[in-house]
Amino acid sequence: LSTQLPHASTEINLRPMREALVLRAKLSEQLIDAGVGIELRREVYLCGLFHTRGDLLGEPLGNALHRIPLSERIYDAAVMHTGPYAPALEMALALEGDDCAAIRELGETYEMGLEEVNRALLRVLSSLEVVRGS
């Protein structure tokens, strides 16, 4: 599901949204503790991917996520802002904005070093393929 979702629609106007969702998902996955297993990393990826599903469907996120068979940890992080995935998701969301103070505050709150956060961001950005126009 997580590999098919970004390619689910060929609508060109949705491409920036799909790419932003995938970027957030990859960043969330990179921000989770390095000792976490691959299955949990996949859940964190899905958490980042589905975070804006409610907005896309025009309904509350909690309602949208309850129709999908997902882990409660994903629901807790995306809707309740609690649980083991919340720090990674909240930091990924903060990195999408331009509020440096919020990023520093989240880093202190969740004991994420800014160097560690920057390295995760650079890993994600370096893995992107850049398509150049002719």
N, C-alpha and C. Protein backbone atom coordinates (compact mmCIF):
# COMPACT_ATOMS: atom_id res chain seq x y z
N LEU A 1 0.82 -1.20 0.00
CA LEU A 1 0.00 0.00 0.00
C LEU A 1 0.86 1.25 0.00
N SER A 2 1.89 1.27 0.83
CA SER A 2 2.70 2.49 0.94
C SER A 2 3.47 2.78 -0.34
N THR A 3 3.82 1.76 -1.11
CA THR A 3 4.54 2.02 -2.36
C THR A 3 3.59 2.37 -3.50
N GLN A 4 2.33 1.96 -3.41
CA GLN A 4 1.37 2.23 -4.47
C GLN A 4 0.68 3.58 -4.32
N LEU A 5 0.54 4.06 -3.10
CA LEU A 5 -0.22 5.28 -2.85
C LEU A 5 0.30 6.51 -3.61
N PRO A 6 1.62 6.76 -3.65
CA PRO A 6 2.07 7.95 -4.38
C PRO A 6 1.77 7.90 -5.88
N HIS A 7 1.55 6.71 -6.41
CA HIS A 7 1.29 6.55 -7.84
C HIS A 7 -0.18 6.28 -8.14
N ALA A 8 -1.04 6.45 -7.14
CA ALA A 8 -2.44 6.08 -7.28
C ALA A 8 -3.21 6.94 -8.27
N SER A 9 -2.78 8.15 -8.49
CA SER A 9 -3.47 9.04 -9.40
C SER A 9 -2.46 9.61 -10.39
N THR A 10 -2.87 9.72 -11.63
CA THR A 10 -1.99 10.30 -12.64
C THR A 10 -2.32 11.76 -12.87
N GLU A 11 -3.22 12.33 -12.09
CA GLU A 11 -3.61 13.73 -12.22
C GLU A 11 -2.39 14.62 -11.98
N ILE A 12 -1.98 15.37 -12.97
CA ILE A 12 -0.77 16.19 -12.90
C ILE A 12 -0.86 17.26 -11.81
N ASN A 13 -2.05 17.76 -11.54
CA ASN A 13 -2.22 18.80 -10.52
C ASN A 13 -2.01 18.27 -9.10
N LEU A 14 -2.12 16.96 -8.92
CA LEU A 14 -1.91 16.36 -7.60
C LEU A 14 -0.45 15.97 -7.36
N ARG A 15 0.38 16.08 -8.37
CA ARG A 15 1.77 15.64 -8.25
C ARG A 15 2.51 16.35 -7.11
N PRO A 16 2.43 17.67 -6.98
CA PRO A 16 3.13 18.31 -5.85
C PRO A 16 2.65 17.79 -4.49
N MET A 17 1.35 17.55 -4.36
CA MET A 17 0.80 17.05 -3.11
C MET A 17 1.33 15.64 -2.82
N ARG A 18 1.32 14.79 -3.83
CA ARG A 18 1.82 13.42 -3.65
C ARG A 18 3.29 13.43 -3.26
N GLU A 19 4.08 14.27 -3.93
CA GLU A 19 5.50 14.33 -3.63
C GLU A 19 5.75 14.86 -2.22
N ALA A 20 4.96 15.82 -1.79
CA ALA A 20 5.09 16.35 -0.43
C ALA A 20 4.74 15.28 0.60
N LEU A 21 3.71 14.49 0.33
CA LEU A 21 3.32 13.42 1.25
C LEU A 21 4.43 12.38 1.38
N VAL A 22 5.01 12.01 0.25
CA VAL A 22 6.08 11.01 0.28
C VAL A 22 7.30 11.57 0.99
N LEU A 23 7.62 12.83 0.75
CA LEU A 23 8.75 13.45 1.41
C LEU A 23 8.55 13.47 2.92
N ARG A 24 7.35 13.84 3.37
CA ARG A 24 7.04 13.84 4.81
C ARG A 24 7.15 12.42 5.37
N ALA A 25 6.66 11.45 4.64
CA ALA A 25 6.71 10.07 5.11
C ALA A 25 8.15 9.59 5.24
N LYS A 26 8.98 9.87 4.25
CA LYS A 26 10.38 9.46 4.31
C LYS A 26 11.11 10.16 5.44
N LEU A 27 10.81 11.42 5.65
CA LEU A 27 11.46 12.17 6.72
C LEU A 27 11.03 11.63 8.09
N SER A 28 9.75 11.36 8.25
CA SER A 28 9.27 10.78 9.51
C SER A 28 9.98 9.46 9.79
N GLU A 29 10.13 8.66 8.76
CA GLU A 29 10.79 7.37 8.89
C GLU A 29 12.25 7.55 9.32
N GLN A 30 12.93 8.55 8.77
CA GLN A 30 14.33 8.79 9.11
C GLN A 30 14.50 9.35 10.53
N LEU A 31 13.50 10.05 11.01
CA LEU A 31 13.60 10.70 12.31
C LEU A 31 13.34 9.76 13.48
N ILE A 32 12.75 8.60 13.21
CA ILE A 32 12.48 7.66 14.29
C ILE A 32 13.81 7.06 14.76
N ASP A 33 13.86 6.65 15.99
CA ASP A 33 15.07 6.09 16.58
C ASP A 33 15.68 5.01 15.68
N ALA A 34 16.98 5.07 15.49
CA ALA A 34 17.68 4.15 14.58
C ALA A 34 17.57 2.69 15.03
N GLY A 35 17.28 2.43 16.29
CA GLY A 35 17.17 1.07 16.78
C GLY A 35 15.84 0.40 16.48
N VAL A 36 14.90 1.14 15.92
CA VAL A 36 13.58 0.61 15.65
C VAL A 36 13.64 -0.33 14.45
N GLY A 37 12.89 -1.43 14.51
CA GLY A 37 12.89 -2.41 13.44
C GLY A 37 12.23 -1.91 12.16
N ILE A 38 12.42 -2.65 11.09
CA ILE A 38 11.92 -2.27 9.76
C ILE A 38 10.39 -2.18 9.72
N GLU A 39 9.71 -3.08 10.44
CA GLU A 39 8.24 -3.05 10.43
C GLU A 39 7.72 -1.76 11.07
N LEU A 40 8.36 -1.35 12.16
CA LEU A 40 7.93 -0.12 12.82
C LEU A 40 8.28 1.10 11.97
N ARG A 41 9.41 1.04 11.26
CA ARG A 41 9.75 2.14 10.35
C ARG A 41 8.69 2.28 9.26
N ARG A 42 8.18 1.17 8.79
CA ARG A 42 7.12 1.21 7.77
C ARG A 42 5.87 1.85 8.33
N GLU A 43 5.57 1.57 9.58
CA GLU A 43 4.40 2.20 10.21
C GLU A 43 4.59 3.71 10.32
N VAL A 44 5.79 4.13 10.66
CA VAL A 44 6.07 5.57 10.76
C VAL A 44 5.94 6.20 9.38
N TYR A 45 6.41 5.50 8.35
CA TYR A 45 6.27 5.99 6.98
C TYR A 45 4.79 6.19 6.64
N LEU A 46 3.97 5.19 6.97
CA LEU A 46 2.53 5.29 6.71
C LEU A 46 1.90 6.42 7.52
N CYS A 47 2.39 6.63 8.71
CA CYS A 47 1.89 7.72 9.55
C CYS A 47 2.10 9.06 8.85
N GLY A 48 3.28 9.28 8.33
CA GLY A 48 3.56 10.52 7.60
C GLY A 48 2.77 10.62 6.32
N LEU A 49 2.57 9.49 5.67
CA LEU A 49 1.86 9.47 4.39
C LEU A 49 0.38 9.77 4.56
N PHE A 50 -0.22 9.23 5.60
CA PHE A 50 -1.67 9.38 5.79
C PHE A 50 -2.06 10.60 6.61
N HIS A 51 -1.10 11.38 7.09
CA HIS A 51 -1.40 12.48 7.99
C HIS A 51 -2.39 13.48 7.41
N THR A 52 -2.36 13.76 6.13
CA THR A 52 -3.27 14.75 5.53
C THR A 52 -4.45 14.11 4.81
N ARG A 53 -4.67 12.85 5.02
CA ARG A 53 -5.77 12.15 4.35
C ARG A 53 -7.12 12.81 4.63
N GLY A 54 -7.33 13.24 5.85
CA GLY A 54 -8.59 13.90 6.20
C GLY A 54 -8.81 15.16 5.38
N ASP A 55 -7.75 15.96 5.23
CA ASP A 55 -7.85 17.19 4.42
C ASP A 55 -8.20 16.86 2.98
N LEU A 56 -7.57 15.82 2.46
CA LEU A 56 -7.82 15.44 1.06
C LEU A 56 -9.26 14.97 0.85
N LEU A 57 -9.81 14.32 1.87
CA LEU A 57 -11.18 13.81 1.77
C LEU A 57 -12.22 14.79 2.29
N GLY A 58 -11.78 15.89 2.87
CA GLY A 58 -12.71 16.88 3.40
C GLY A 58 -13.45 16.41 4.63
N GLU A 59 -12.78 15.67 5.49
CA GLU A 59 -13.39 15.18 6.73
C GLU A 59 -12.33 15.13 7.82
N PRO A 60 -12.73 14.97 9.07
CA PRO A 60 -11.74 14.87 10.14
C PRO A 60 -10.80 13.68 9.93
N LEU A 61 -9.54 13.88 10.25
CA LEU A 61 -8.54 12.84 10.04
C LEU A 61 -8.89 11.55 10.78
N GLY A 62 -9.41 11.68 12.00
CA GLY A 62 -9.79 10.49 12.77
C GLY A 62 -10.80 9.62 12.03
N ASN A 63 -11.80 10.24 11.43
CA ASN A 63 -12.80 9.49 10.66
C ASN A 63 -12.17 8.81 9.46
N ALA A 64 -11.31 9.52 8.76
CA ALA A 64 -10.68 8.98 7.56
C ALA A 64 -9.77 7.80 7.90
N LEU A 65 -9.06 7.87 9.01
CA LEU A 65 -8.14 6.79 9.37
C LEU A 65 -8.85 5.57 9.92
N HIS A 66 -10.01 5.76 10.54
CA HIS A 66 -10.72 4.60 11.10
C HIS A 66 -11.23 3.65 10.03
N ARG A 67 -11.36 4.12 8.80
CA ARG A 67 -11.83 3.25 7.72
C ARG A 67 -10.71 2.41 7.11
N ILE A 68 -9.48 2.65 7.53
CA ILE A 68 -8.32 1.93 7.01
C ILE A 68 -7.77 1.05 8.12
N PRO A 69 -7.46 -0.20 7.83
CA PRO A 69 -6.93 -1.07 8.89
C PRO A 69 -5.47 -0.73 9.20
N LEU A 70 -5.28 0.27 10.06
CA LEU A 70 -3.96 0.72 10.45
C LEU A 70 -3.73 0.47 11.94
N SER A 71 -2.49 0.46 12.32
CA SER A 71 -2.11 0.31 13.72
C SER A 71 -2.64 1.49 14.54
N GLU A 72 -2.98 1.21 15.78
CA GLU A 72 -3.42 2.28 16.69
C GLU A 72 -2.31 3.30 16.89
N ARG A 73 -1.04 2.87 16.77
CA ARG A 73 0.08 3.79 16.94
C ARG A 73 0.04 4.88 15.87
N ILE A 74 -0.38 4.53 14.67
CA ILE A 74 -0.48 5.52 13.59
C ILE A 74 -1.59 6.51 13.91
N TYR A 75 -2.74 6.00 14.34
CA TYR A 75 -3.86 6.87 14.72
C TYR A 75 -3.46 7.79 15.86
N ASP A 76 -2.81 7.23 16.88
CA ASP A 76 -2.41 8.03 18.04
C ASP A 76 -1.49 9.18 17.63
N ALA A 77 -0.52 8.89 16.77
CA ALA A 77 0.43 9.93 16.37
C ALA A 77 -0.24 10.99 15.50
N ALA A 78 -1.02 10.56 14.51
CA ALA A 78 -1.60 11.49 13.54
C ALA A 78 -2.75 12.30 14.11
N VAL A 79 -3.58 11.68 14.92
CA VAL A 79 -4.79 12.34 15.40
C VAL A 79 -4.62 12.87 16.83
N MET A 80 -4.08 12.05 17.71
CA MET A 80 -3.99 12.42 19.12
C MET A 80 -2.66 13.11 19.48
N HIS A 81 -1.68 13.02 18.58
CA HIS A 81 -0.34 13.60 18.81
C HIS A 81 0.31 12.99 20.04
N THR A 82 0.12 11.67 20.19
CA THR A 82 0.71 10.93 21.29
C THR A 82 1.34 9.65 20.74
N GLY A 83 1.99 8.93 21.60
CA GLY A 83 2.54 7.64 21.22
C GLY A 83 3.96 7.73 20.68
N PRO A 84 4.53 6.58 20.36
CA PRO A 84 5.94 6.54 19.97
C PRO A 84 6.26 7.20 18.62
N TYR A 85 5.28 7.38 17.76
CA TYR A 85 5.54 7.96 16.44
C TYR A 85 5.31 9.47 16.40
N ALA A 86 4.68 10.01 17.41
CA ALA A 86 4.34 11.44 17.42
C ALA A 86 5.58 12.34 17.29
N PRO A 87 6.68 12.06 17.99
CA PRO A 87 7.83 12.96 17.86
C PRO A 87 8.35 13.05 16.42
N ALA A 88 8.48 11.92 15.75
CA ALA A 88 8.99 11.92 14.38
C ALA A 88 8.03 12.64 13.44
N LEU A 89 6.74 12.39 13.58
CA LEU A 89 5.75 13.05 12.72
C LEU A 89 5.70 14.55 12.98
N GLU A 90 5.69 14.95 14.24
CA GLU A 90 5.63 16.37 14.55
C GLU A 90 6.86 17.12 14.07
N MET A 91 8.04 16.48 14.18
CA MET A 91 9.25 17.13 13.70
C MET A 91 9.23 17.23 12.17
N ALA A 92 8.77 16.20 11.49
CA ALA A 92 8.68 16.25 10.03
C ALA A 92 7.72 17.36 9.60
N LEU A 93 6.61 17.50 10.29
CA LEU A 93 5.66 18.57 9.98
C LEU A 93 6.27 19.94 10.24
N ALA A 94 7.02 20.07 11.32
CA ALA A 94 7.66 21.34 11.64
C ALA A 94 8.71 21.70 10.59
N LEU A 95 9.41 20.71 10.08
CA LEU A 95 10.44 20.96 9.07
C LEU A 95 9.84 21.42 7.75
N GLU A 96 8.56 21.17 7.55
CA GLU A 96 7.88 21.65 6.34
C GLU A 96 7.63 23.15 6.40
N GLY A 97 7.61 23.70 7.58
CA GLY A 97 7.34 25.11 7.75
C GLY A 97 8.63 25.91 7.85
N ASP A 98 8.50 27.15 8.29
CA ASP A 98 9.67 28.02 8.38
C ASP A 98 9.88 28.57 9.79
N ASP A 99 9.33 27.90 10.78
CA ASP A 99 9.42 28.34 12.17
C ASP A 99 10.58 27.61 12.87
N CYS A 100 11.75 28.22 12.84
CA CYS A 100 12.94 27.60 13.44
C CYS A 100 12.80 27.41 14.94
N ALA A 101 12.10 28.34 15.59
CA ALA A 101 11.90 28.23 17.05
C ALA A 101 11.09 26.97 17.38
N ALA A 102 10.09 26.67 16.57
CA ALA A 102 9.28 25.47 16.80
C ALA A 102 10.12 24.21 16.62
N ILE A 103 11.00 24.23 15.64
CA ILE A 103 11.87 23.07 15.41
C ILE A 103 12.81 22.87 16.60
N ARG A 104 13.40 23.96 17.08
CA ARG A 104 14.28 23.88 18.26
C ARG A 104 13.51 23.38 19.48
N GLU A 105 12.29 23.90 19.65
CA GLU A 105 11.48 23.50 20.81
C GLU A 105 11.12 22.01 20.74
N LEU A 106 10.73 21.54 19.58
CA LEU A 106 10.43 20.12 19.43
C LEU A 106 11.67 19.27 19.68
N GLY A 107 12.81 19.74 19.19
CA GLY A 107 14.06 19.02 19.42
C GLY A 107 14.36 18.87 20.91
N GLU A 108 14.14 19.95 21.66
CA GLU A 108 14.36 19.90 23.11
C GLU A 108 13.31 19.02 23.79
N THR A 109 12.06 19.18 23.39
CA THR A 109 10.97 18.41 24.00
C THR A 109 11.17 16.91 23.80
N TYR A 110 11.52 16.51 22.59
CA TYR A 110 11.64 15.09 22.27
C TYR A 110 13.07 14.58 22.28
N GLU A 111 13.99 15.42 22.80
CA GLU A 111 15.39 15.05 22.92
C GLU A 111 15.97 14.58 21.58
N MET A 112 15.68 15.36 20.54
CA MET A 112 16.24 15.13 19.22
C MET A 112 17.28 16.22 18.98
N GLY A 113 18.51 15.81 18.81
CA GLY A 113 19.55 16.79 18.53
C GLY A 113 19.34 17.41 17.15
N LEU A 114 19.58 18.70 17.05
CA LEU A 114 19.39 19.37 15.76
C LEU A 114 20.32 18.82 14.70
N GLU A 115 21.51 18.39 15.10
CA GLU A 115 22.43 17.77 14.15
C GLU A 115 21.83 16.47 13.60
N GLU A 116 21.24 15.69 14.48
CA GLU A 116 20.60 14.44 14.08
C GLU A 116 19.42 14.71 13.14
N VAL A 117 18.64 15.73 13.45
CA VAL A 117 17.50 16.10 12.61
C VAL A 117 17.98 16.58 11.25
N ASN A 118 19.02 17.41 11.23
CA ASN A 118 19.56 17.89 9.96
C ASN A 118 20.11 16.74 9.11
N ARG A 119 20.76 15.79 9.75
CA ARG A 119 21.30 14.64 9.00
C ARG A 119 20.16 13.81 8.40
N ALA A 120 19.10 13.62 9.15
CA ALA A 120 17.95 12.89 8.62
C ALA A 120 17.36 13.62 7.43
N LEU A 121 17.23 14.92 7.53
CA LEU A 121 16.71 15.72 6.43
C LEU A 121 17.62 15.63 5.22
N LEU A 122 18.93 15.71 5.42
CA LEU A 122 19.86 15.60 4.31
C LEU A 122 19.83 14.21 3.67
N ARG A 123 19.66 13.15 4.47
CA ARG A 123 19.55 11.79 3.91
C ARG A 123 18.35 11.69 2.98
N VAL A 124 17.23 12.25 3.43
CA VAL A 124 16.02 12.20 2.62
C VAL A 124 16.19 13.02 1.35
N LEU A 125 16.70 14.21 1.48
CA LEU A 125 16.87 15.08 0.31
C LEU A 125 17.87 14.50 -0.68
N SER A 126 18.93 13.86 -0.18
CA SER A 126 19.92 13.29 -1.09
C SER A 126 19.40 12.05 -1.81
N SER A 127 18.35 11.43 -1.28
CA SER A 127 17.78 10.26 -1.94
C SER A 127 16.78 10.60 -3.03
N LEU A 128 16.41 11.87 -3.13
CA LEU A 128 15.42 12.29 -4.14
C LEU A 128 16.04 12.31 -5.52
N GLU A 129 15.22 11.95 -6.47
CA GLU A 129 15.63 12.05 -7.86
C GLU A 129 15.15 13.40 -8.38
N VAL A 130 16.05 14.11 -9.01
CA VAL A 130 15.71 15.43 -9.56
C VAL A 130 15.47 15.26 -11.06
N VAL A 131 14.30 15.69 -11.49
CA VAL A 131 13.96 15.64 -12.89
C VAL A 131 14.18 17.04 -13.46
N ARG A 132 15.06 17.14 -14.40
CA ARG A 132 15.36 18.44 -14.99
C ARG A 132 14.66 18.56 -16.34
N GLY A 133 14.08 19.73 -16.56
CA GLY A 133 13.41 20.00 -17.85
C GLY A 133 14.44 20.22 -18.94
N SER A 134 14.04 20.01 -20.19
CA SER A 134 14.97 20.20 -21.30
C SER A 134 15.11 21.65 -21.64
